PDB file of N, CA and C in Angstrom:
ATOM      1  N   MET A   1       0.695  -1.050  -0.632  1.00  0.00           N
ATOM      2  CA  MET A   1      -0.001   0.094  -0.328  1.00  0.00           C
ATOM      3  C   MET A   1       1.184   1.090  -0.279  1.00  0.00           C
ATOM      4  N   SER A   2       1.281   2.221  -0.983  1.00  0.00           N
ATOM      5  CA  SER A   2       1.312   3.193  -1.030  1.00  0.00           C
ATOM      6  C   SER A   2       1.150   4.270   0.106  1.00  0.00           C
ATOM      7  N   ASP A   3       1.918   5.290   0.363  1.00  0.00           N
ATOM      8  CA  ASP A   3       1.596   6.168   1.660  1.00  0.00           C
ATOM      9  C   ASP A   3       2.033   7.498   0.174  1.00  0.00           C
ATOM     10  N   HIS A   4       1.000   8.034   0.849  1.00  0.00           N
ATOM     11  CA  HIS A   4       1.169   9.279  -0.380  1.00  0.00           C
ATOM     12  C   HIS A   4       2.216  10.499   0.826  1.00  0.00           C
ATOM     13  N   ILE A   5       2.388  10.080   1.975  1.00  0.00           N
ATOM     14  CA  ILE A   5       2.987  11.180   2.633  1.00  0.00           C
ATOM     15  C   ILE A   5       4.935  11.421   2.123  1.00  0.00           C
ATOM     16  N   ASN A   6       5.256   9.586   1.912  1.00  0.00           N
ATOM     17  CA  ASN A   6       6.417   9.425   1.477  1.00  0.00           C
ATOM     18  C   ASN A   6       6.884   9.334  -0.367  1.00  0.00           C
ATOM     19  N   GLU A   7       5.752   9.944  -1.338  1.00  0.00           N
ATOM     20  CA  GLU A   7       5.804   9.663  -2.129  1.00  0.00           C
ATOM     21  C   GLU A   7       6.551  10.946  -2.887  1.00  0.00           C
ATOM     22  N   ARG A   8       7.458  10.799  -3.704  1.00  0.00           N
ATOM     23  CA  ARG A   8       8.329  11.805  -4.505  1.00  0.00           C
ATOM     24  C   ARG A   8       7.696  12.660  -5.805  1.00  0.00           C
ATOM     25  N   ALA A   9       7.533  13.289  -5.673  1.00  0.00           N
ATOM     26  CA  ALA A   9       7.728  15.239  -6.663  1.00  0.00           C
ATOM     27  C   ALA A   9       8.379  15.661  -7.228  1.00  0.00           C
ATOM     28  N   PHE A  10       8.147  15.359  -8.445  1.00  0.00           N
ATOM     29  CA  PHE A  10       9.413  16.432  -9.087  1.00  0.00           C
ATOM     30  C   PHE A  10       9.495  17.908  -8.534  1.00  0.00           C
ATOM     31  N   TYR A  11      10.001  18.401  -8.844  1.00  0.00           N
ATOM     32  CA  TYR A  11      10.738  19.975  -8.492  1.00  0.00           C
ATOM     33  C   TYR A  11      11.729  20.547  -9.123  1.00  0.00           C
ATOM     34  N   VAL A  12      11.318  21.701  -9.679  1.00  0.00           N
ATOM     35  CA  VAL A  12      12.525  22.797 -10.089  1.00  0.00           C
ATOM     36  C   VAL A  12      13.024  23.456  -9.281  1.00  0.00           C
ATOM     37  N   VAL A  13      13.943  23.884  -8.984  1.00  0.00           N
ATOM     38  CA  VAL A  13      14.281  25.061  -7.650  1.00  0.00           C
ATOM     39  C   VAL A  13      15.375  25.936  -8.465  1.00  0.00           C
ATOM     40  N   VAL A  14      14.961  27.655  -8.589  1.00  0.00           N
ATOM     41  CA  VAL A  14      16.062  27.794  -8.702  1.00  0.00           C
ATOM     42  C   VAL A  14      16.268  28.751  -8.176  1.00  0.00           C
ATOM     43  N   TYR A  15      17.590  29.338  -8.485  1.00  0.00           N
ATOM     44  CA  TYR A  15      17.270  30.237  -7.231  1.00  0.00           C
ATOM     45  C   TYR A  15      18.638  30.863  -7.471  1.00  0.00           C
ATOM     46  N   ASP A  16      18.633  32.733  -6.816  1.00  0.00           N
ATOM     47  CA  ASP A  16      19.576  34.106  -7.624  1.00  0.00           C
ATOM     48  C   ASP A  16      19.849  34.941  -5.933  1.00  0.00           C
ATOM     49  N   VAL A  17      21.662  34.352  -5.573  1.00  0.00           N
ATOM     50  CA  VAL A  17      22.066  34.739  -4.614  1.00  0.00           C
ATOM     51  C   VAL A  17      23.209  35.428  -5.169  1.00  0.00           C
ATOM     52  N   VAL A  18      23.198  36.881  -4.295  1.00  0.00           N
ATOM     53  CA  VAL A  18      24.111  37.897  -4.058  1.00  0.00           C
ATOM     54  C   VAL A  18      25.555  37.564  -4.323  1.00  0.00           C
ATOM     55  N   GLN A  19      25.364  37.020  -3.033  1.00  0.00           N
ATOM     56  CA  GLN A  19      26.860  37.392  -2.376  1.00  0.00           C
ATOM     57  C   GLN A  19      27.251  35.586  -2.777  1.00  0.00           C
ATOM     58  N   ASP A  20      28.715  35.844  -3.321  1.00  0.00           N
ATOM     59  CA  ASP A  20      29.512  33.870  -3.920  1.00  0.00           C
ATOM     60  C   ASP A  20      29.549  33.464  -2.410  1.00  0.00           C
ATOM     61  N   LYS A  21      29.420  33.749  -1.442  1.00  0.00           N
ATOM     62  CA  LYS A  21      29.743  32.695   0.027  1.00  0.00           C
ATOM     63  C   LYS A  21      27.984  31.865  -0.307  1.00  0.00           C
ATOM     64  N   ARG A  22      27.154  32.655  -0.171  1.00  0.00           N
ATOM     65  CA  ARG A  22      25.860  32.486   0.333  1.00  0.00           C
ATOM     66  C   ARG A  22      25.341  31.121  -1.148  1.00  0.00           C
ATOM     67  N   ARG A  23      25.299  32.384  -2.250  1.00  0.00           N
ATOM     68  CA  ARG A  23      25.774  31.275  -3.431  1.00  0.00           C
ATOM     69  C   ARG A  23      26.010  30.123  -3.298  1.00  0.00           C
ATOM     70  N   SER A  24      27.175  30.082  -2.923  1.00  0.00           N
ATOM     71  CA  SER A  24      27.925  28.070  -2.280  1.00  0.00           C
ATOM     72  C   SER A  24      27.004  27.489  -1.400  1.00  0.00           C
ATOM     73  N   LYS A  25      26.565  28.683  -1.394  1.00  0.00           N
ATOM     74  CA  LYS A  25      26.635  27.563   0.012  1.00  0.00           C
ATOM     75  C   LYS A  25      25.080  26.649  -0.239  1.00  0.00           C
ATOM     76  N   VAL A  26      23.849  27.517  -1.253  1.00  0.00           N
ATOM     77  CA  VAL A  26      22.903  27.433  -1.348  1.00  0.00           C
ATOM     78  C   VAL A  26      22.972  26.071  -2.819  1.00  0.00           C
ATOM     79  N   ALA A  27      24.117  26.268  -3.202  1.00  0.00           N
ATOM     80  CA  ALA A  27      24.357  25.269  -4.727  1.00  0.00           C
ATOM     81  C   ALA A  27      24.754  24.077  -4.288  1.00  0.00           C
ATOM     82  N   LYS A  28      25.804  24.105  -3.182  1.00  0.00           N
ATOM     83  CA  LYS A  28      26.353  22.676  -1.928  1.00  0.00           C
ATOM     84  C   LYS A  28      25.241  21.454  -1.547  1.00  0.00           C
ATOM     85  N   ALA A  29      23.962  22.751  -1.164  1.00  0.00           N
ATOM     86  CA  ALA A  29      23.275  22.207  -0.339  1.00  0.00           C
ATOM     87  C   ALA A  29      21.996  21.306  -0.991  1.00  0.00           C
ATOM     88  N   MET A  30      22.138  22.428  -2.909  1.00  0.00           N
ATOM     89  CA  MET A  30      20.813  21.619  -3.939  1.00  0.00           C
ATOM     90  C   MET A  30      22.120  20.720  -4.112  1.00  0.00           C
ATOM     91  N   GLU A  31      22.748  20.277  -5.076  1.00  0.00           N
ATOM     92  CA  GLU A  31      23.679  19.203  -5.168  1.00  0.00           C
ATOM     93  C   GLU A  31      23.406  17.973  -4.571  1.00  0.00           C
ATOM     94  N   ALA A  32      22.827  18.425  -3.170  1.00  0.00           N
ATOM     95  CA  ALA A  32      23.514  17.306  -2.209  1.00  0.00           C
ATOM     96  C   ALA A  32      22.357  16.208  -2.241  1.00  0.00           C
ATOM     97  N   LEU A  33      20.884  16.917  -3.150  1.00  0.00           N
ATOM     98  CA  LEU A  33      19.869  15.919  -3.479  1.00  0.00           C
ATOM     99  C   LEU A  33      19.192  16.211  -4.357  1.00  0.00           C
ATOM    100  N   GLY A  34      19.783  17.206  -5.481  1.00  0.00           N
ATOM    101  CA  GLY A  34      18.621  16.916  -6.907  1.00  0.00           C
ATOM    102  C   GLY A  34      20.854  16.782  -7.973  1.00  0.00           C
ATOM    103  N   GLU A  35      19.890  16.664  -8.739  1.00  0.00           N
ATOM    104  CA  GLU A  35      20.724  16.973 -10.478  1.00  0.00           C
ATOM    105  C   GLU A  35      21.183  18.549 -11.107  1.00  0.00           C
ATOM    106  N   ARG A  36      22.021  19.163 -11.097  1.00  0.00           N
ATOM    107  CA  ARG A  36      22.006  20.343 -11.896  1.00  0.00           C
ATOM    108  C   ARG A  36      22.337  20.654 -12.758  1.00  0.00           C
ATOM    109  N   VAL A  37      20.750  21.406 -13.648  1.00  0.00           N
ATOM    110  CA  VAL A  37      20.262  21.249 -14.913  1.00  0.00           C
ATOM    111  C   VAL A  37      20.764  22.466 -15.717  1.00  0.00           C
ATOM    112  N   GLN A  38      21.612  23.560 -14.774  1.00  0.00           N
ATOM    113  CA  GLN A  38      22.054  24.927 -15.142  1.00  0.00           C
ATOM    114  C   GLN A  38      21.910  25.392 -13.863  1.00  0.00           C
ATOM    115  N   LYS A  39      23.404  27.187 -14.063  1.00  0.00           N
ATOM    116  CA  LYS A  39      24.384  27.586 -13.235  1.00  0.00           C
ATOM    117  C   LYS A  39      23.659  27.490 -11.467  1.00  0.00           C
ATOM    118  N   SER A  40      22.488  27.881 -11.976  1.00  0.00           N
ATOM    119  CA  SER A  40      21.629  27.859 -10.483  1.00  0.00           C
ATOM    120  C   SER A  40      20.142  27.133 -10.666  1.00  0.00           C
ATOM    121  N   VAL A  41      20.102  26.108 -11.491  1.00  0.00           N
ATOM    122  CA  VAL A  41      18.370  25.405 -11.640  1.00  0.00           C
ATOM    123  C   VAL A  41      18.794  24.046 -11.445  1.00  0.00           C
ATOM    124  N   PHE A  42      17.959  23.132 -10.134  1.00  0.00           N
ATOM    125  CA  PHE A  42      18.749  22.084 -10.182  1.00  0.00           C
ATOM    126  C   PHE A  42      17.251  21.081 -10.085  1.00  0.00           C
ATOM    127  N   GLU A  43      16.715  20.201 -10.760  1.00  0.00           N
ATOM    128  CA  GLU A  43      15.818  19.100 -10.545  1.00  0.00           C
ATOM    129  C   GLU A  43      15.706  18.519  -9.367  1.00  0.00           C
ATOM    130  N   VAL A  44      15.152  17.692  -8.746  1.00  0.00           N
ATOM    131  CA  VAL A  44      15.046  17.495  -7.406  1.00  0.00           C
ATOM    132  C   VAL A  44      13.679  16.172  -7.401  1.00  0.00           C
ATOM    133  N   TYR A  45      13.188  15.300  -6.491  1.00  0.00           N
ATOM    134  CA  TYR A  45      12.533  14.884  -6.557  1.00  0.00           C
ATOM    135  C   TYR A  45      12.578  14.121  -5.318  1.00  0.00           C
ATOM    136  N   LEU A  46      11.431  14.726  -4.796  1.00  0.00           N
ATOM    137  CA  LEU A  46      11.142  15.211  -2.815  1.00  0.00           C
ATOM    138  C   LEU A  46       9.562  14.394  -1.965  1.00  0.00           C
ATOM    139  N   ASN A  47       9.921  13.790  -1.207  1.00  0.00           N
ATOM    140  CA  ASN A  47       9.158  13.464  -0.768  1.00  0.00           C
ATOM    141  C   ASN A  47       8.408  14.458  -0.117  1.00  0.00           C
ATOM    142  N   ALA A  48       7.337  14.682   1.004  1.00  0.00           N
ATOM    143  CA  ALA A  48       6.783  16.743   1.602  1.00  0.00           C
ATOM    144  C   ALA A  48       7.503  16.956   2.959  1.00  0.00           C
ATOM    145  N   ALA A  49       7.981  15.466   3.503  1.00  0.00           N
ATOM    146  CA  ALA A  49       9.201  15.331   4.778  1.00  0.00           C
ATOM    147  C   ALA A  49      10.788  16.106   4.566  1.00  0.00           C
ATOM    148  N   GLU A  50      10.964  15.996   3.027  1.00  0.00           N
ATOM    149  CA  GLU A  50      12.291  15.969   2.362  1.00  0.00           C
ATOM    150  C   GLU A  50      12.022  17.615   1.844  1.00  0.00           C
ATOM    151  N   LEU A  51      11.316  18.341   1.280  1.00  0.00           N
ATOM    152  CA  LEU A  51      10.852  19.190   0.496  1.00  0.00           C
ATOM    153  C   LEU A  51      11.113  20.269   2.297  1.00  0.00           C
ATOM    154  N   GLU A  52      10.362  19.708   3.221  1.00  0.00           N
ATOM    155  CA  GLU A  52      10.088  21.332   3.954  1.00  0.00           C
ATOM    156  C   GLU A  52      11.492  21.590   5.077  1.00  0.00           C
ATOM    157  N   LYS A  53      12.606  20.071   5.027  1.00  0.00           N
ATOM    158  CA  LYS A  53      13.391  20.367   4.938  1.00  0.00           C
ATOM    159  C   LYS A  53      14.024  21.160   4.456  1.00  0.00           C
ATOM    160  N   LEU A  54      14.307  20.633   3.039  1.00  0.00           N
ATOM    161  CA  LEU A  54      15.049  21.424   2.565  1.00  0.00           C
ATOM    162  C   LEU A  54      14.392  22.523   2.497  1.00  0.00           C
ATOM    163  N   LEU A  55      13.967  23.378   2.293  1.00  0.00           N
ATOM    164  CA  LEU A  55      12.973  24.584   2.523  1.00  0.00           C
ATOM    165  C   LEU A  55      13.641  25.840   3.640  1.00  0.00           C
ATOM    166  N   LYS A  56      13.267  24.904   4.820  1.00  0.00           N
ATOM    167  CA  LYS A  56      13.570  25.102   5.843  1.00  0.00           C
ATOM    168  C   LYS A  56      15.640  25.779   6.289  1.00  0.00           C
ATOM    169  N   ARG A  57      16.167  24.710   5.814  1.00  0.00           N
ATOM    170  CA  ARG A  57      17.793  25.022   5.550  1.00  0.00           C
ATOM    171  C   ARG A  57      17.552  26.062   4.604  1.00  0.00           C
ATOM    172  N   LEU A  58      17.506  25.309   3.133  1.00  0.00           N
ATOM    173  CA  LEU A  58      17.757  27.173   2.338  1.00  0.00           C
ATOM    174  C   LEU A  58      17.739  28.094   2.896  1.00  0.00           C
ATOM    175  N   LYS A  59      16.023  28.684   3.611  1.00  0.00           N
ATOM    176  CA  LYS A  59      15.643  29.425   4.816  1.00  0.00           C
ATOM    177  C   LYS A  59      17.277  30.213   5.511  1.00  0.00           C
ATOM    178  N   LYS A  60      17.532  29.292   6.323  1.00  0.00           N
ATOM    179  CA  LYS A  60      18.513  29.562   6.727  1.00  0.00           C
ATOM    180  C   LYS A  60      20.271  30.455   5.671  1.00  0.00           C
ATOM    181  N   LEU A  61      20.019  29.667   5.127  1.00  0.00           N
ATOM    182  CA  LEU A  61      21.149  30.220   3.372  1.00  0.00           C
ATOM    183  C   LEU A  61      20.474  31.615   3.618  1.00  0.00           C
ATOM    184  N   ILE A  62      20.391  31.847   3.324  1.00  0.00           N
ATOM    185  CA  ILE A  62      19.500  32.859   2.449  1.00  0.00           C
ATOM    186  C   ILE A  62      19.714  34.235   3.154  1.00  0.00           C
ATOM    187  N   ASP A  63      19.562  35.606   2.164  1.00  0.00           N
ATOM    188  CA  ASP A  63      19.776  36.601   3.464  1.00  0.00           C
ATOM    189  C   ASP A  63      17.660  37.172   2.448  1.00  0.00           C
ATOM    190  N   GLU A  64      16.488  36.697   3.107  1.00  0.00           N
ATOM    191  CA  GLU A  64      15.684  37.042   2.087  1.00  0.00           C
ATOM    192  C   GLU A  64      16.007  38.491   1.858  1.00  0.00           C
ATOM    193  N   ARG A  65      16.537  39.806   2.099  1.00  0.00           N
ATOM    194  CA  ARG A  65      16.609  40.660   1.922  1.00  0.00           C
ATOM    195  C   ARG A  65      16.657  41.517  -0.026  1.00  0.00           C
ATOM    196  N   GLU A  66      17.766  40.129  -0.099  1.00  0.00           N
ATOM    197  CA  GLU A  66      18.339  40.038  -1.112  1.00  0.00           C
ATOM    198  C   GLU A  66      18.269  39.765  -2.401  1.00  0.00           C
ATOM    199  N   ASP A  67      18.136  37.773  -2.133  1.00  0.00           N
ATOM    200  CA  ASP A  67      17.978  36.517  -1.876  1.00  0.00           C
ATOM    201  C   ASP A  67      16.548  36.287  -3.216  1.00  0.00           C
ATOM    202  N   SER A  68      16.626  35.113  -3.186  1.00  0.00           N
ATOM    203  CA  SER A  68      15.248  34.970  -4.088  1.00  0.00           C
ATOM    204  C   SER A  68      15.488  33.187  -4.225  1.00  0.00           C
ATOM    205  N   VAL A  69      14.500  32.154  -3.854  1.00  0.00           N
ATOM    206  CA  VAL A  69      14.602  30.579  -4.444  1.00  0.00           C
ATOM    207  C   VAL A  69      13.151  30.256  -4.243  1.00  0.00           C
ATOM    208  N   ARG A  70      12.910  30.053  -5.762  1.00  0.00           N
ATOM    209  CA  ARG A  70      11.770  29.567  -6.171  1.00  0.00           C
ATOM    210  C   ARG A  70      11.326  28.106  -6.170  1.00  0.00           C
ATOM    211  N   VAL A  71      10.825  27.622  -6.098  1.00  0.00           N
ATOM    212  CA  VAL A  71      10.755  25.774  -5.842  1.00  0.00           C
ATOM    213  C   VAL A  71       9.379  26.006  -7.592  1.00  0.00           C
ATOM    214  N   TYR A  72       9.327  25.223  -7.793  1.00  0.00           N
ATOM    215  CA  TYR A  72       8.440  24.942  -8.969  1.00  0.00           C
ATOM    216  C   TYR A  72       8.033  22.522  -9.317  1.00  0.00           C
ATOM    217  N   ASN A  73       6.747  22.918  -7.664  1.00  0.00           N
ATOM    218  CA  ASN A  73       6.334  21.422  -8.563  1.00  0.00           C
ATOM    219  C   ASN A  73       6.053  21.031  -9.893  1.00  0.00           C
ATOM    220  N   LEU A  74       5.987  19.578 -10.197  1.00  0.00           N
ATOM    221  CA  LEU A  74       5.682  19.681 -11.811  1.00  0.00           C
ATOM    222  C   LEU A  74       4.785  18.413 -11.387  1.00  0.00           C
ATOM    223  N   CYS A  75       3.619  18.197 -12.177  1.00  0.00           N
ATOM    224  CA  CYS A  75       2.994  17.401 -11.665  1.00  0.00           C
ATOM    225  C   CYS A  75       3.719  16.116 -12.929  1.00  0.00           C
ATOM    226  N   ALA A  76       3.243  14.697 -13.167  1.00  0.00           N
ATOM    227  CA  ALA A  76       3.316  13.890 -14.137  1.00  0.00           C
ATOM    228  C   ALA A  76       2.948  14.670 -15.707  1.00  0.00           C
ATOM    229  N   ALA A  77       2.012  14.737 -15.440  1.00  0.00           N
ATOM    230  CA  ALA A  77       1.867  15.331 -16.537  1.00  0.00           C
ATOM    231  C   ALA A  77       2.419  16.255 -16.967  1.00  0.00           C
ATOM    232  N   CYS A  78       2.999  17.627 -16.124  1.00  0.00           N
ATOM    233  CA  CYS A  78       3.563  18.770 -17.230  1.00  0.00           C
ATOM    234  C   CYS A  78       5.375  18.424 -17.033  1.00  0.00           C
ATOM    235  N   LYS A  79       5.827  17.296 -16.654  1.00  0.00           N
ATOM    236  CA  LYS A  79       7.130  16.762 -16.490  1.00  0.00           C
ATOM    237  C   LYS A  79       7.714  16.601 -17.884  1.00  0.00           C
ATOM    238  N   GLY A  80       6.562  15.427 -18.195  1.00  0.00           N
ATOM    239  CA  GLY A  80       6.166  15.065 -19.564  1.00  0.00           C
ATOM    240  C   GLY A  80       6.201  15.665 -20.737  1.00  0.00           C
ATOM    241  N   LYS A  81       5.696  17.001 -20.310  1.00  0.00           N
ATOM    242  CA  LYS A  81       5.536  18.232 -21.988  1.00  0.00           C
ATOM    243  C   LYS A  81       7.033  19.405 -21.601  1.00  0.00           C
ATOM    244  N   VAL A  82       7.912  18.818 -20.621  1.00  0.00           N
ATOM    245  CA  VAL A  82       9.454  19.778 -20.353  1.00  0.00           C
ATOM    246  C   VAL A  82      10.342  19.693 -21.543  1.00  0.00           C
ATOM    247  N   ARG A  83      10.380  20.595 -22.232  1.00  0.00           N
ATOM    248  CA  ARG A  83      10.896  21.028 -23.673  1.00  0.00           C
ATOM    249  C   ARG A  83      11.870  20.929 -23.859  1.00  0.00           C
ATOM    250  N   THR A  84      13.458  20.805 -24.175  1.00  0.00           N
ATOM    251  CA  THR A  84      14.701  21.266 -23.915  1.00  0.00           C
ATOM    252  C   THR A  84      15.060  21.611 -25.729  1.00  0.00           C
ATOM    253  N   LEU A  85      15.968  22.481 -24.807  1.00  0.00           N
ATOM    254  CA  LEU A  85      16.827  22.407 -26.566  1.00  0.00           C
ATOM    255  C   LEU A  85      18.303  22.793 -26.318  1.00  0.00           C
ATOM    256  N   GLY A  86      19.268  22.286 -26.808  1.00  0.00           N
ATOM    257  CA  GLY A  86      20.619  21.926 -27.058  1.00  0.00           C
ATOM    258  C   GLY A  86      20.930  20.939 -25.941  1.00  0.00           C
ATOM    259  N   GLN A  87      21.537  20.805 -24.886  1.00  0.00           N
ATOM    260  CA  GLN A  87      22.488  19.882 -23.952  1.00  0.00           C
ATOM    261  C   GLN A  87      21.455  19.798 -22.489  1.00  0.00           C
ATOM    262  N   GLY A  88      21.496  18.109 -23.160  1.00  0.00           N
ATOM    263  CA  GLY A  88      20.550  18.256 -21.376  1.00  0.00           C
ATOM    264  C   GLY A  88      19.688  17.709 -21.345  1.00  0.00           C
ATOM    265  N   GLN A  89      18.950  16.819 -20.487  1.00  0.00           N
ATOM    266  CA  GLN A  89      18.015  16.314 -20.832  1.00  0.00           C
ATOM    267  C   GLN A  89      17.553  16.279 -19.835  1.00  0.00           C
ATOM    268  N   VAL A  90      15.926  16.058 -18.830  1.00  0.00           N
ATOM    269  CA  VAL A  90      15.137  16.220 -18.086  1.00  0.00           C
ATOM    270  C   VAL A  90      15.004  14.831 -17.111  1.00  0.00           C
ATOM    271  N   THR A  91      15.115  15.189 -15.621  1.00  0.00           N
ATOM    272  CA  THR A  91      16.429  14.391 -15.273  1.00  0.00           C
ATOM    273  C   THR A  91      15.197  13.726 -14.753  1.00  0.00           C
ATOM    274  N   PRO A  92      15.623  12.039 -14.862  1.00  0.00           N
ATOM    275  CA  PRO A  92      14.599  10.399 -14.693  1.00  0.00           C
ATOM    276  C   PRO A  92      14.840  10.460 -12.883  1.00  0.00           C
ATOM    277  N   PRO A  93      13.834   9.896 -12.344  1.00  0.00           N
ATOM    278  CA  PRO A  93      13.483   9.445 -11.714  1.00  0.00           C
ATOM    279  C   PRO A  93      14.145   8.496 -10.406  1.00  0.00           C
ATOM    280  N   PRO A  94      14.707   8.813  -9.659  1.00  0.00           N
ATOM    281  CA  PRO A  94      15.670   8.324  -8.731  1.00  0.00           C
ATOM    282  C   PRO A  94      15.036   7.060  -8.816  1.00  0.00           C
ATOM    283  N   GLY A  95      15.890   5.595  -9.353  1.00  0.00           N
ATOM    284  CA  GLY A  95      15.099   4.655  -8.939  1.00  0.00           C
ATOM    285  C   GLY A  95      15.339   3.609  -7.377  1.00  0.00           C
ATOM    286  N   LEU A  96      15.103   2.685  -7.543  1.00  0.00           N
ATOM    287  CA  LEU A  96      14.058   2.231  -6.132  1.00  0.00           C
ATOM    288  C   LEU A  96      15.603   2.184  -4.924  1.00  0.00           C
ATOM    289  N   VAL A  97      14.694   3.174  -4.214  1.00  0.00           N
ATOM    290  CA  VAL A  97      15.458   3.061  -3.054  1.00  0.00           C
ATOM    291  C   VAL A  97      14.876   1.503  -1.792  1.00  0.00           C
ATOM    292  N   ILE A  98      16.305   1.583  -0.789  1.00  0.00           N
ATOM    293  CA  ILE A  98      15.279   0.930  -0.323  1.00  0.00           C
ATOM    294  C   ILE A  98      16.199   0.865   1.462  1.00  0.00           C
ATOM    295  N   VAL A  99      15.234   1.263   2.267  1.00  0.00           N
ATOM    296  CA  VAL A  99      15.142   1.838   3.023  1.00  0.00           C
ATOM    297  C   VAL A  99      15.541   1.094   4.694  1.00  0.00           C
TER     298      VAL A  99
END
């Protein structure tokens, strides 16, 4: 039986962080969870708890007066309509995860 709370959804996380030091910390946090598809754009698969944990972590890393982080949740139908030009492809879902 599937538990909706633990289901992973597909998110696109984009950020604009002014200061180099903060930007590096945000990038490092994102690299631990997802796939970098452009300099400040990541694709990640997260469940609800993981998303909340990421948002709390990013909030601590940025300066909300200067920086911006946007998180876009793409449903399966929308993800299937993503179009890319040039290099790269949409990040595939993670393989089987054994806990």
